[in-house]
Amino acid sequence: MYISNTDKEREEMLRAIGVSSITELLSQIPQKYLYPEFSLPHDRNNEPLAHQVSGALPHDSLDEMELRSALKKSAAKNTGLLSFVGAGAYERYIPAAVKAVTARGEFLTAYTPYQAEASQGILQSIYEYQSLVCSLFEMEASNASMYDGASALAEAARACVRITSKKQILYSGAVHPHCLETLRTYLGGSGEVVGIASDTCGRGTEPPALDEPEARCSGRSAAVPYEFIKIRVKNGKTDLSVLEKTIGSDTACVIAQSPNFFGVIEDMEEISGIVHKNGALFAASADPVSLGILAPPGSHSADFAVAEGQSLGLPLNYGGPYLGIFTCKKDYIRQMPGRIAGMTRDKDGKRGFVLTIQAREQHIRREKSASNICSNEALCALAAAVYLTLLGPDGIKELALLNAAKASFAADKLSSIKGISLKFKEPFFNEFALELPVNAENLRKALIKSEKIDIGLPLGLFFPEMKNSLLVAATETKTEEDILRLESAIKRYICQ
């Protein structure tokens, strides 16, 4: 932090601590750490950036204009790709107004101020975000946001365990693998041993093949308080017959995602019915854009509904920062992690906004709190609120329909190529899995190099038995020309 002290003030402070100078104050620090030598940055050819500026000498420093010129030349070496990768993070068009609002100094701060007497604007923006999310998901309560969709899902499972006092968690094998890893990490982070379900009870987190029976590890001993049971996937969807046979009186919750990791739309209404019939809680994960046309979690009585909110106005950026959407029924609001903004009246009767129901948070009883989240994604939540406000209900519906149409067009074109077929014959939203006659990862690498197209995510990266399977996403950003270019590139490679 920079503090603008005058020379006189510095002299007074030095006298007060009994030293004559800053150098004497720092004398115990070795010179090589106190005054380290810095090399000028080099490009990928190990050539100093200064050399790229006409007339610059080998050891010249650069002024601002020269530095910008050198960096632009280096940046020009980057390769732009036409990308069809999704799997939880999607390329979307973001209206310019989103950045215009979130870049304002009142919002773009290193720390989110929550003091009601000084931060009514921030608190109202959080309240508006919560209201918009509750409307979109048809849920009764929302928090101010989580780190990302994976942490939101893990916190939902933790809440279910606290509410039911049961330790058995059932999850669909079609939930995003990264979310499942986060779930295991969160439930293992409380100082308790985690029993991880797998098909052999000895392969750790490696998932079983989709057509194998449900994966299960007993975990009944006192040393293994949590029991994770994976419900197998059949034809790209959660096998409901297996779910019905597996769920029981010991089950705390069932976790399902729709559209799921493979892009397939799940029978969430049926899953919810099975879950509640057996006295368990239902934690549903959703794609917020898909809710423009698909039934929201609240309509099928989800107890908790979570999502990755990156699609709502946040750019792709090396995995973050993203936005965890967390909603629940009002009966469970005191088990909700993170902060909640509420609306109230001040002593003069004027409307105001405050953080509410704080007795569940770590600054009251840290070791017994609903969560220990140290901050939230308030700026990302603001971006989502601006995005949803700009689109409105009709805009979200139109966006969802456009995504479904783009993906359907892409699926038709790609599955018409000889040797390629849709892996799952089930309805999907904006991404789908293909079965290829070649190794998907090899095809991806080849077309990135030759065509500058990232064709999708090879599913073999997560499921070893799916080496020839490819997950392709097509959002509103993909034109007909883009999709036809993808089709031509794949066809040339496969038919050569």
Protein backbone atom coordinates (compact mmCIF):
# COMPACT_ATOMS: atom_id res chain seq x y z
CA MET A 1 0.00 0.00 0.00
CA TYR A 2 1.31 3.49 -0.86
CA ILE A 3 1.13 6.07 1.95
CA SER A 4 2.10 9.58 0.94
CA ASN A 5 4.35 10.56 3.87
CA THR A 6 6.52 13.66 3.57
CA ASP A 7 10.29 13.58 4.14
CA LYS A 8 9.77 15.34 7.48
CA GLU A 9 7.23 12.72 8.60
CA ARG A 10 9.60 9.91 7.64
CA GLU A 11 12.43 11.52 9.65
CA GLU A 12 10.16 11.81 12.70
CA MET A 13 9.16 8.13 12.45
CA LEU A 14 12.79 7.01 12.05
CA ARG A 15 13.84 9.03 15.12
CA ALA A 16 11.00 7.50 17.11
CA ILE A 17 12.24 3.96 16.47
CA GLY A 18 15.91 4.87 16.90
CA VAL A 19 17.36 4.52 13.40
CA SER A 20 18.87 7.15 11.15
CA SER A 21 17.68 6.00 7.72
CA ILE A 22 15.55 3.54 5.76
CA THR A 23 18.77 1.74 4.76
CA GLU A 24 19.66 1.18 8.42
CA LEU A 25 16.11 -0.01 9.12
CA LEU A 26 16.42 -2.67 6.41
CA SER A 27 20.07 -3.56 7.08
CA GLN A 28 19.29 -7.12 8.23
CA ILE A 29 17.90 -8.02 4.80
CA PRO A 30 20.59 -9.40 2.44
CA GLN A 31 21.40 -7.03 -0.41
CA LYS A 32 20.54 -9.61 -3.08
CA TYR A 33 16.96 -9.68 -1.79
CA LEU A 34 16.72 -6.00 -1.00
CA TYR A 35 17.91 -4.84 -4.40
CA PRO A 36 17.49 -7.81 -6.77
CA GLU A 37 18.48 -7.56 -10.41
CA PHE A 38 15.65 -7.87 -12.89
CA SER A 39 16.11 -9.09 -16.44
CA LEU A 40 14.10 -7.45 -19.17
CA PRO A 41 11.37 -9.79 -20.51
CA HIS A 42 12.23 -12.03 -23.46
CA ASP A 43 9.98 -13.40 -26.17
CA ARG A 44 9.64 -17.09 -27.06
CA ASN A 45 12.84 -16.88 -29.17
CA ASN A 46 14.71 -15.65 -26.07
CA GLU A 47 15.14 -12.25 -27.69
CA PRO A 48 14.76 -9.21 -25.39
CA LEU A 49 11.61 -7.25 -26.16
CA ALA A 50 13.71 -4.10 -26.45
CA HIS A 51 15.38 -5.57 -29.56
CA GLN A 52 12.03 -5.60 -31.32
CA VAL A 53 11.83 -1.82 -31.21
CA SER A 54 13.68 -0.04 -34.00
CA GLY A 55 16.84 1.63 -32.68
CA ALA A 56 16.71 0.07 -29.21
CA LEU A 57 20.02 -1.10 -27.76
CA PRO A 58 20.39 -4.53 -26.06
CA HIS A 59 20.08 -3.13 -22.55
CA ASP A 60 17.70 -0.27 -23.26
CA SER A 61 14.58 0.07 -21.18
CA LEU A 62 11.36 0.99 -22.95
CA ASP A 63 9.05 3.91 -22.46
CA GLU A 64 5.29 3.28 -22.38
CA MET A 65 4.72 3.72 -26.12
CA GLU A 66 7.64 1.46 -27.04
CA LEU A 67 6.56 -1.18 -24.54
CA ARG A 68 3.02 -1.27 -25.95
CA SER A 69 4.45 -1.65 -29.45
CA ALA A 70 6.70 -4.53 -28.39
CA LEU A 71 3.92 -6.30 -26.53
CA LYS A 72 1.55 -5.95 -29.49
CA LYS A 73 4.13 -7.65 -31.70
CA SER A 74 4.45 -10.49 -29.21
CA ALA A 75 0.68 -10.81 -28.83
CA ALA A 76 0.30 -11.05 -32.61
CA LYS A 77 2.07 -14.42 -32.42
CA ASN A 78 -0.86 -15.89 -30.49
CA THR A 79 -3.16 -18.11 -32.54
CA GLY A 80 -6.89 -17.48 -32.47
CA LEU A 81 -9.03 -20.62 -32.59
CA LEU A 82 -12.61 -21.27 -33.58
CA SER A 83 -13.69 -23.16 -30.46
CA PHE A 84 -16.50 -25.66 -29.93
CA VAL A 85 -15.44 -26.57 -26.39
CA GLY A 86 -18.05 -26.32 -23.63
CA ALA A 87 -18.24 -28.80 -20.74
CA GLY A 88 -19.28 -26.22 -18.17
CA ALA A 89 -17.64 -23.04 -19.51
CA TYR A 90 -19.16 -21.51 -22.63
CA GLU A 91 -18.26 -18.83 -25.13
CA ARG A 92 -21.14 -16.34 -25.13
CA TYR A 93 -21.79 -12.88 -26.45
CA ILE A 94 -21.58 -10.35 -23.62
CA PRO A 95 -23.35 -7.00 -24.18
CA ALA A 96 -21.05 -3.98 -23.83
CA ALA A 97 -23.28 -2.56 -21.08
CA VAL A 98 -22.21 -5.37 -18.72
CA LYS A 99 -18.59 -4.23 -18.64
CA ALA A 100 -19.62 -0.56 -18.63
CA VAL A 101 -21.48 -1.09 -15.35
CA THR A 102 -19.09 -3.52 -13.64
CA ALA A 103 -16.06 -1.34 -14.47
CA ARG A 104 -17.43 1.62 -12.51
CA GLY A 105 -15.26 2.57 -9.56
CA GLU A 106 -18.15 2.16 -7.12
CA PHE A 107 -18.25 -1.57 -7.91
CA LEU A 108 -14.76 -2.48 -9.14
CA THR A 109 -13.02 -2.67 -5.76
CA ALA A 110 -10.49 -5.01 -4.18
CA TYR A 111 -12.88 -5.67 -1.31
CA THR A 112 -16.67 -5.80 -1.32
CA PRO A 113 -17.90 -3.34 1.34
CA TYR A 114 -20.90 -4.66 3.27
CA GLN A 115 -21.40 -1.90 5.84
CA ALA A 116 -25.06 -0.92 5.58
CA GLU A 117 -24.40 2.69 6.56
CA ALA A 118 -21.99 3.20 3.65
CA SER A 119 -22.74 0.56 1.02
CA GLN A 120 -26.39 0.75 0.03
CA GLY A 121 -25.55 0.56 -3.67
CA ILE A 122 -23.49 -2.62 -3.33
CA LEU A 123 -26.07 -4.25 -1.06
CA GLN A 124 -28.93 -3.36 -3.38
CA SER A 125 -27.08 -4.83 -6.37
CA ILE A 126 -26.65 -8.09 -4.43
CA TYR A 127 -30.33 -8.05 -3.45
CA GLU A 128 -31.34 -7.52 -7.09
CA TYR A 129 -29.06 -10.39 -8.14
CA GLN A 130 -30.68 -12.68 -5.56
CA SER A 131 -34.16 -11.68 -6.75
CA LEU A 132 -33.32 -12.30 -10.41
CA VAL A 133 -31.79 -15.70 -9.66
CA CYS A 134 -34.77 -16.77 -7.55
CA SER A 135 -37.08 -15.78 -10.41
CA LEU A 136 -35.04 -17.66 -13.02
CA PHE A 137 -34.75 -20.84 -10.92
CA GLU A 138 -38.23 -20.52 -9.32
CA MET A 139 -36.62 -20.97 -5.91
CA GLU A 140 -37.45 -19.16 -2.69
CA ALA A 141 -34.03 -17.98 -1.52
CA SER A 142 -30.61 -17.21 -2.97
CA ASN A 143 -27.33 -16.19 -1.41
CA ALA A 144 -24.99 -13.46 -2.63
CA SER A 145 -23.02 -16.05 -4.67
CA MET A 146 -20.35 -18.72 -4.29
CA TYR A 147 -16.91 -19.14 -5.87
CA ASP A 148 -18.19 -21.25 -8.79
CA GLY A 149 -20.72 -23.91 -9.70
CA ALA A 150 -18.60 -26.72 -8.26
CA SER A 151 -18.28 -25.10 -4.82
CA ALA A 152 -22.02 -24.33 -4.85
CA LEU A 153 -22.82 -28.00 -5.50
CA ALA A 154 -20.47 -29.15 -2.74
CA GLU A 155 -22.01 -26.69 -0.27
CA ALA A 156 -25.49 -27.94 -1.20
CA ALA A 157 -24.43 -31.50 -0.34
CA ARG A 158 -22.94 -30.32 2.98
CA ALA A 159 -26.21 -28.56 3.80
CA CYS A 160 -28.18 -31.74 3.05
CA VAL A 161 -25.94 -33.73 5.39
CA ARG A 162 -26.44 -31.18 8.17
CA ILE A 163 -30.22 -31.06 7.70
CA THR A 164 -30.80 -34.82 7.58
CA SER A 165 -27.99 -35.96 9.91
CA LYS A 166 -27.32 -38.70 7.34
CA LYS A 167 -24.05 -39.38 5.54
CA GLN A 168 -25.02 -41.22 2.36
CA ILE A 169 -24.82 -39.15 -0.83
CA LEU A 170 -26.09 -40.47 -4.14
CA TYR A 171 -24.98 -38.75 -7.32
CA SER A 172 -25.56 -39.26 -11.00
CA GLY A 173 -22.58 -40.44 -13.02
CA ALA A 174 -23.48 -37.72 -15.51
CA VAL A 175 -22.63 -34.87 -13.11
CA HIS A 176 -19.56 -32.86 -14.19
CA PRO A 177 -16.43 -34.73 -12.97
CA HIS A 178 -14.85 -31.51 -11.71
CA CYS A 179 -17.89 -30.86 -9.52
CA LEU A 180 -17.63 -34.36 -8.08
CA GLU A 181 -13.96 -33.85 -7.25
CA THR A 182 -14.85 -30.61 -5.47
CA LEU A 183 -17.62 -32.40 -3.58
CA ARG A 184 -15.18 -35.02 -2.31
CA THR A 185 -12.67 -32.33 -1.36
CA TYR A 186 -15.23 -30.28 0.59
CA LEU A 187 -16.63 -33.21 2.53
CA GLY A 188 -13.13 -34.47 3.24
CA GLY A 189 -11.95 -31.09 4.45
CA SER A 190 -13.82 -31.24 7.75
CA GLY A 191 -11.28 -33.57 9.31
CA GLU A 192 -13.29 -36.71 8.49
CA VAL A 193 -12.32 -39.61 6.26
CA VAL A 194 -14.20 -39.76 2.96
CA GLY A 195 -15.36 -43.06 1.48
CA ILE A 196 -15.20 -42.58 -2.28
CA ALA A 197 -17.49 -44.83 -4.29
CA SER A 198 -15.96 -46.66 -7.24
CA ASP A 199 -16.69 -49.81 -9.18
CA THR A 200 -13.91 -51.78 -7.46
CA CYS A 201 -13.73 -49.87 -4.14
CA GLY A 202 -10.04 -49.51 -4.80
CA ARG A 203 -9.62 -47.27 -7.83
CA GLY A 204 -10.12 -44.03 -5.97
CA THR A 205 -11.78 -41.32 -8.03
CA GLU A 206 -11.52 -43.06 -11.40
CA PRO A 207 -15.11 -43.36 -12.68
CA PRO A 208 -16.59 -46.71 -13.72
CA ALA A 209 -17.74 -47.36 -17.26
CA LEU A 210 -21.18 -45.96 -17.97
CA ASP A 211 -22.74 -49.38 -18.59
CA GLU A 212 -21.43 -50.95 -15.36
CA PRO A 213 -23.67 -51.38 -12.29
CA GLU A 214 -23.81 -48.54 -9.81
CA ALA A 215 -20.50 -47.87 -8.11
CA ARG A 216 -20.46 -48.31 -4.38
CA CYS A 217 -18.10 -48.44 -1.41
CA SER A 218 -19.61 -49.42 1.91
CA GLY A 219 -18.10 -46.78 4.18
CA ARG A 220 -20.17 -48.08 7.07
CA SER A 221 -17.40 -48.08 9.67
CA ALA A 222 -17.09 -45.22 12.11
CA ALA A 223 -13.86 -44.22 10.38
CA VAL A 224 -15.70 -43.55 7.10
CA PRO A 225 -18.68 -41.34 7.95
CA TYR A 226 -19.55 -40.40 4.37
CA GLU A 227 -20.75 -42.85 1.76
CA PHE A 228 -20.69 -41.78 -1.88
CA ILE A 229 -22.70 -43.86 -4.32
CA LYS A 230 -22.55 -43.24 -8.04
CA ILE A 231 -25.74 -44.00 -9.95
CA ARG A 232 -24.83 -45.37 -13.33
CA VAL A 233 -25.62 -43.67 -16.62
CA LYS A 234 -27.65 -45.42 -19.29
CA ASN A 235 -27.96 -43.90 -22.77
CA GLY A 236 -26.46 -40.65 -21.51
CA LYS A 237 -28.94 -40.22 -18.64
CA THR A 238 -29.21 -41.22 -15.01
CA ASP A 239 -30.54 -44.78 -14.76
CA LEU A 240 -33.73 -44.26 -12.74
CA SER A 241 -34.24 -47.97 -12.12
CA VAL A 242 -30.86 -48.13 -10.39
CA LEU A 243 -31.66 -44.98 -8.42
CA GLU A 244 -34.90 -46.53 -7.14
CA LYS A 245 -33.08 -49.70 -6.05
CA THR A 246 -30.22 -47.81 -4.39
CA ILE A 247 -31.87 -44.97 -2.47
CA GLY A 248 -32.92 -45.77 1.07
CA SER A 249 -33.57 -44.49 4.56
CA ASP A 250 -29.86 -43.70 5.03
CA THR A 251 -29.70 -41.36 2.03
CA ALA A 252 -29.14 -37.68 2.81
CA CYS A 253 -29.46 -36.40 -0.74
CA VAL A 254 -29.39 -37.17 -4.43
CA ILE A 255 -27.40 -34.95 -6.80
CA ALA A 256 -28.30 -34.66 -10.49
CA GLN A 257 -27.44 -32.22 -13.26
CA SER A 258 -29.54 -31.17 -16.25
CA PRO A 259 -28.41 -30.64 -18.93
CA ASN A 260 -25.82 -33.10 -17.70
CA PHE A 261 -22.10 -33.33 -18.49
CA PHE A 262 -22.90 -35.03 -21.81
CA GLY A 263 -25.37 -32.29 -22.75
CA VAL A 264 -28.38 -34.58 -22.28
CA ILE A 265 -31.55 -33.28 -20.62
CA GLU A 266 -32.40 -35.38 -17.56
CA ASP A 267 -35.84 -36.43 -16.25
CA MET A 268 -35.53 -34.13 -13.23
CA GLU A 269 -39.23 -34.38 -12.34
CA GLU A 270 -38.97 -38.17 -12.06
CA ILE A 271 -35.71 -38.00 -10.13
CA SER A 272 -37.26 -35.54 -7.68
CA GLY A 273 -40.27 -37.81 -7.16
CA ILE A 274 -38.07 -40.81 -6.37
CA VAL A 275 -35.93 -38.75 -3.99
CA HIS A 276 -38.74 -37.23 -1.97
CA LYS A 277 -40.71 -40.49 -1.85
CA ASN A 278 -37.78 -41.93 0.06
CA GLY A 279 -37.42 -38.99 2.45
CA ALA A 280 -34.16 -37.63 1.02
CA LEU A 281 -33.31 -34.15 -0.24
CA PHE A 282 -32.77 -33.26 -3.89
CA ALA A 283 -29.87 -31.05 -5.01
CA ALA A 284 -30.24 -30.05 -8.66
CA SER A 285 -27.57 -28.48 -10.86
CA ALA A 286 -28.70 -26.51 -13.91
CA ASP A 287 -27.46 -24.40 -16.81
CA PRO A 288 -29.01 -20.95 -16.19
CA VAL A 289 -29.37 -20.17 -19.91
CA SER A 290 -31.24 -23.44 -20.50
CA LEU A 291 -33.90 -22.28 -18.02
CA GLY A 292 -35.20 -19.96 -20.73
CA ILE A 293 -36.93 -23.02 -22.21
CA LEU A 294 -36.49 -25.88 -19.72
CA ALA A 295 -38.46 -26.33 -16.51
CA PRO A 296 -36.60 -24.64 -13.63
CA PRO A 297 -35.50 -26.64 -10.57
CA GLY A 298 -38.17 -25.08 -8.38
CA SER A 299 -40.91 -26.47 -10.61
CA HIS A 300 -39.87 -30.02 -9.75
CA SER A 301 -39.48 -29.30 -6.03
CA ALA A 302 -35.70 -29.25 -5.78
CA ASP A 303 -34.60 -28.54 -2.21
CA PHE A 304 -31.36 -26.95 -3.41
CA ALA A 305 -30.62 -25.66 -6.90
CA VAL A 306 -27.15 -24.58 -7.97
CA ALA A 307 -25.39 -23.58 -11.17
CA GLU A 308 -22.22 -22.28 -12.75
CA GLY A 309 -23.10 -18.67 -13.57
CA GLN A 310 -20.29 -17.99 -16.07
CA SER A 311 -22.81 -18.02 -18.92
CA LEU A 312 -24.49 -14.92 -17.47
CA GLY A 313 -22.15 -12.19 -18.66
CA LEU A 314 -18.74 -13.52 -17.59
CA PRO A 315 -15.94 -14.08 -20.13
CA LEU A 316 -13.86 -17.23 -20.47
CA ASN A 317 -10.61 -16.57 -18.64
CA TYR A 318 -8.41 -19.54 -17.73
CA GLY A 319 -11.15 -20.91 -15.49
CA GLY A 320 -12.15 -17.83 -13.57
CA PRO A 321 -13.22 -15.87 -11.75
CA TYR A 322 -16.61 -17.50 -12.25
CA LEU A 323 -19.87 -17.38 -10.33
CA GLY A 324 -21.50 -19.99 -8.11
CA ILE A 325 -25.29 -19.69 -8.05
CA PHE A 326 -26.85 -21.14 -4.89
CA THR A 327 -30.59 -21.27 -4.17
CA CYS A 328 -32.81 -23.24 -1.81
CA LYS A 329 -36.24 -23.54 -0.26
CA LYS A 330 -36.85 -20.95 2.46
CA ASP A 331 -37.05 -23.73 5.08
CA TYR A 332 -33.32 -24.29 4.62
CA ILE A 333 -32.16 -20.69 4.45
CA ARG A 334 -30.25 -20.97 7.74
CA GLN A 335 -28.18 -23.77 6.24
CA MET A 336 -27.30 -21.66 3.22
CA PRO A 337 -23.59 -20.77 2.97
CA GLY A 338 -22.26 -17.31 2.22
CA ARG A 339 -23.90 -13.94 2.62
CA ILE A 340 -27.52 -12.92 2.11
CA ALA A 341 -28.67 -9.36 1.40
CA GLY A 342 -32.11 -8.46 2.72
CA MET A 343 -34.42 -5.47 2.39
CA THR A 344 -35.61 -3.60 5.50
CA ARG A 345 -36.66 -0.15 6.76
CA ASP A 346 -34.51 2.34 8.65
CA LYS A 347 -35.64 4.35 11.68
CA ASP A 348 -37.20 6.93 9.35
CA GLY A 349 -39.16 4.30 7.46
CA LYS A 350 -37.00 4.48 4.34
CA ARG A 351 -36.14 1.34 2.41
CA GLY A 352 -32.65 0.00 3.05
CA PHE A 353 -30.52 -3.09 2.43
CA VAL A 354 -28.48 -5.07 4.95
CA LEU A 355 -26.76 -8.41 5.36
CA THR A 356 -29.25 -10.61 7.15
CA ILE A 357 -29.52 -13.94 9.03
CA GLN A 358 -25.85 -13.67 9.92
CA ALA A 359 -25.92 -16.06 12.89
CA ARG A 360 -25.15 -18.88 10.42
CA GLU A 361 -21.90 -17.27 9.27
CA GLN A 362 -18.29 -17.66 10.38
CA HIS A 363 -18.01 -14.23 11.97
CA ILE A 364 -20.51 -15.38 14.62
CA ARG A 365 -19.42 -18.97 15.38
CA ARG A 366 -16.79 -19.97 12.89
CA GLU A 367 -16.48 -23.64 13.85
CA LYS A 368 -20.27 -24.14 13.84
CA SER A 369 -21.15 -21.93 10.89
CA ALA A 370 -22.93 -23.05 7.74
CA SER A 371 -19.79 -22.22 5.79
CA ASN A 372 -16.42 -20.54 6.08
CA ILE A 373 -16.41 -18.80 2.71
CA CYS A 374 -14.11 -15.83 3.20
CA SER A 375 -15.48 -13.63 0.45
CA ASN A 376 -17.84 -13.91 -2.47
CA GLU A 377 -18.08 -13.11 -6.14
CA ALA A 378 -20.00 -9.84 -5.75
CA LEU A 379 -18.60 -8.28 -8.93
CA CYS A 380 -19.38 -11.44 -10.91
CA ALA A 381 -22.87 -11.50 -9.38
CA LEU A 382 -23.32 -7.89 -10.48
CA ALA A 383 -22.33 -8.85 -14.03
CA ALA A 384 -24.95 -11.61 -13.97
CA ALA A 385 -27.59 -9.20 -12.66
CA VAL A 386 -26.83 -6.67 -15.41
CA TYR A 387 -26.85 -9.43 -18.04
CA LEU A 388 -30.21 -10.83 -16.88
CA THR A 389 -31.71 -7.34 -16.67
CA LEU A 390 -30.60 -6.49 -20.20
CA LEU A 391 -32.08 -9.68 -21.65
CA GLY A 392 -35.23 -9.92 -19.58
CA PRO A 393 -37.50 -13.01 -19.59
CA ASP A 394 -38.14 -12.85 -23.34
CA GLY A 395 -34.45 -12.38 -24.10
CA ILE A 396 -33.41 -15.39 -22.01
CA LYS A 397 -36.01 -17.51 -23.80
CA GLU A 398 -34.82 -16.30 -27.20
CA LEU A 399 -31.19 -16.96 -26.23
CA ALA A 400 -32.03 -20.50 -25.06
CA LEU A 401 -33.93 -21.26 -28.26
CA LEU A 402 -31.04 -19.94 -30.34
CA ASN A 403 -28.58 -22.17 -28.47
CA ALA A 404 -30.76 -25.22 -28.95
CA ALA A 405 -31.13 -24.46 -32.67
CA LYS A 406 -27.38 -23.96 -33.19
CA ALA A 407 -26.54 -27.22 -31.41
CA SER A 408 -29.22 -29.12 -33.32
CA PHE A 409 -27.89 -27.82 -36.65
CA ALA A 410 -24.33 -28.75 -35.69
CA ALA A 411 -25.38 -32.23 -34.54
CA ASP A 412 -27.23 -32.88 -37.80
CA LYS A 413 -24.26 -31.79 -39.91
CA LEU A 414 -21.58 -33.65 -37.97
CA SER A 415 -23.54 -36.88 -37.53
CA SER A 416 -24.11 -36.98 -41.30
CA ILE A 417 -20.36 -37.54 -41.86
CA LYS A 418 -19.61 -41.17 -42.67
CA GLY A 419 -18.51 -43.04 -39.56
CA ILE A 420 -19.77 -40.41 -37.08
CA SER A 421 -22.94 -40.75 -35.02
CA LEU A 422 -24.58 -39.20 -31.98
CA LYS A 423 -23.42 -41.15 -28.95
CA PHE A 424 -26.69 -40.69 -27.09
CA LYS A 425 -30.11 -40.61 -28.77
CA GLU A 426 -31.61 -38.32 -26.15
CA PRO A 427 -32.71 -34.64 -26.20
CA PHE A 428 -29.88 -32.16 -25.59
CA PHE A 429 -29.57 -28.40 -25.12
CA ASN A 430 -26.47 -26.72 -26.54
CA GLU A 431 -23.90 -29.51 -26.54
CA PHE A 432 -23.85 -33.15 -27.55
CA ALA A 433 -21.55 -36.18 -27.64
CA LEU A 434 -20.36 -37.75 -30.89
CA GLU A 435 -18.95 -41.22 -31.49
CA LEU A 436 -16.04 -41.01 -33.94
CA PRO A 437 -14.24 -43.65 -36.02
CA VAL A 438 -10.91 -42.22 -34.80
CA ASN A 439 -9.30 -41.19 -31.52
CA ALA A 440 -10.96 -37.92 -30.47
CA GLU A 441 -7.87 -36.40 -28.85
CA ASN A 442 -5.72 -37.09 -31.93
CA LEU A 443 -8.37 -35.52 -34.16
CA ARG A 444 -8.55 -32.47 -31.92
CA LYS A 445 -4.79 -31.93 -31.94
CA ALA A 446 -4.59 -32.37 -35.71
CA LEU A 447 -7.34 -29.85 -36.49
CA ILE A 448 -6.04 -27.29 -34.02
CA LYS A 449 -2.73 -27.42 -35.86
CA SER A 450 -4.00 -27.59 -39.44
CA GLU A 451 -7.35 -25.77 -39.35
CA LYS A 452 -7.13 -23.56 -36.24
CA ILE A 453 -10.33 -25.19 -34.95
CA ASP A 454 -10.76 -26.60 -31.44
CA ILE A 455 -13.42 -29.17 -32.27
CA GLY A 456 -14.58 -29.97 -28.72
CA LEU A 457 -13.64 -31.89 -25.59
CA PRO A 458 -12.41 -35.50 -25.95
CA LEU A 459 -14.41 -37.47 -23.38
CA GLY A 460 -11.52 -39.90 -22.98
CA LEU A 461 -9.88 -37.25 -20.78
CA PHE A 462 -12.49 -38.12 -18.13
CA PHE A 463 -13.70 -41.59 -19.15
CA PRO A 464 -10.94 -43.91 -20.43
CA GLU A 465 -13.44 -46.09 -22.29
CA MET A 466 -14.55 -43.09 -24.39
CA LYS A 467 -11.37 -42.44 -26.37
CA ASN A 468 -13.37 -42.06 -29.59
CA SER A 469 -16.05 -39.81 -28.08
CA LEU A 470 -16.16 -36.02 -28.48
CA LEU A 471 -18.27 -33.45 -26.63
CA VAL A 472 -19.20 -30.53 -28.91
CA ALA A 473 -20.81 -27.25 -27.80
CA ALA A 474 -22.48 -24.74 -30.12
CA THR A 475 -23.73 -21.52 -28.51
CA GLU A 476 -25.20 -18.35 -29.99
CA THR A 477 -21.68 -17.22 -30.93
CA LYS A 478 -21.38 -19.89 -33.63
CA THR A 479 -22.59 -18.93 -37.09
CA GLU A 480 -23.78 -21.32 -39.78
CA GLU A 481 -20.50 -20.62 -41.56
CA ASP A 482 -18.55 -21.65 -38.43
CA ILE A 483 -20.45 -24.93 -38.15
CA LEU A 484 -20.02 -25.75 -41.85
CA ARG A 485 -16.30 -25.01 -41.50
CA LEU A 486 -16.13 -27.49 -38.62
CA GLU A 487 -18.00 -30.09 -40.66
CA SER A 488 -15.65 -29.69 -43.63
CA ALA A 489 -12.52 -29.91 -41.48
CA ILE A 490 -13.62 -33.12 -39.74
CA LYS A 491 -14.81 -34.66 -43.00
CA ARG A 492 -11.47 -33.99 -44.70
CA TYR A 493 -9.54 -35.60 -41.84
CA ILE A 494 -11.73 -38.69 -41.50
CA CYS A 495 -12.28 -39.31 -45.21
CA GLN A 496 -8.69 -38.77 -46.30
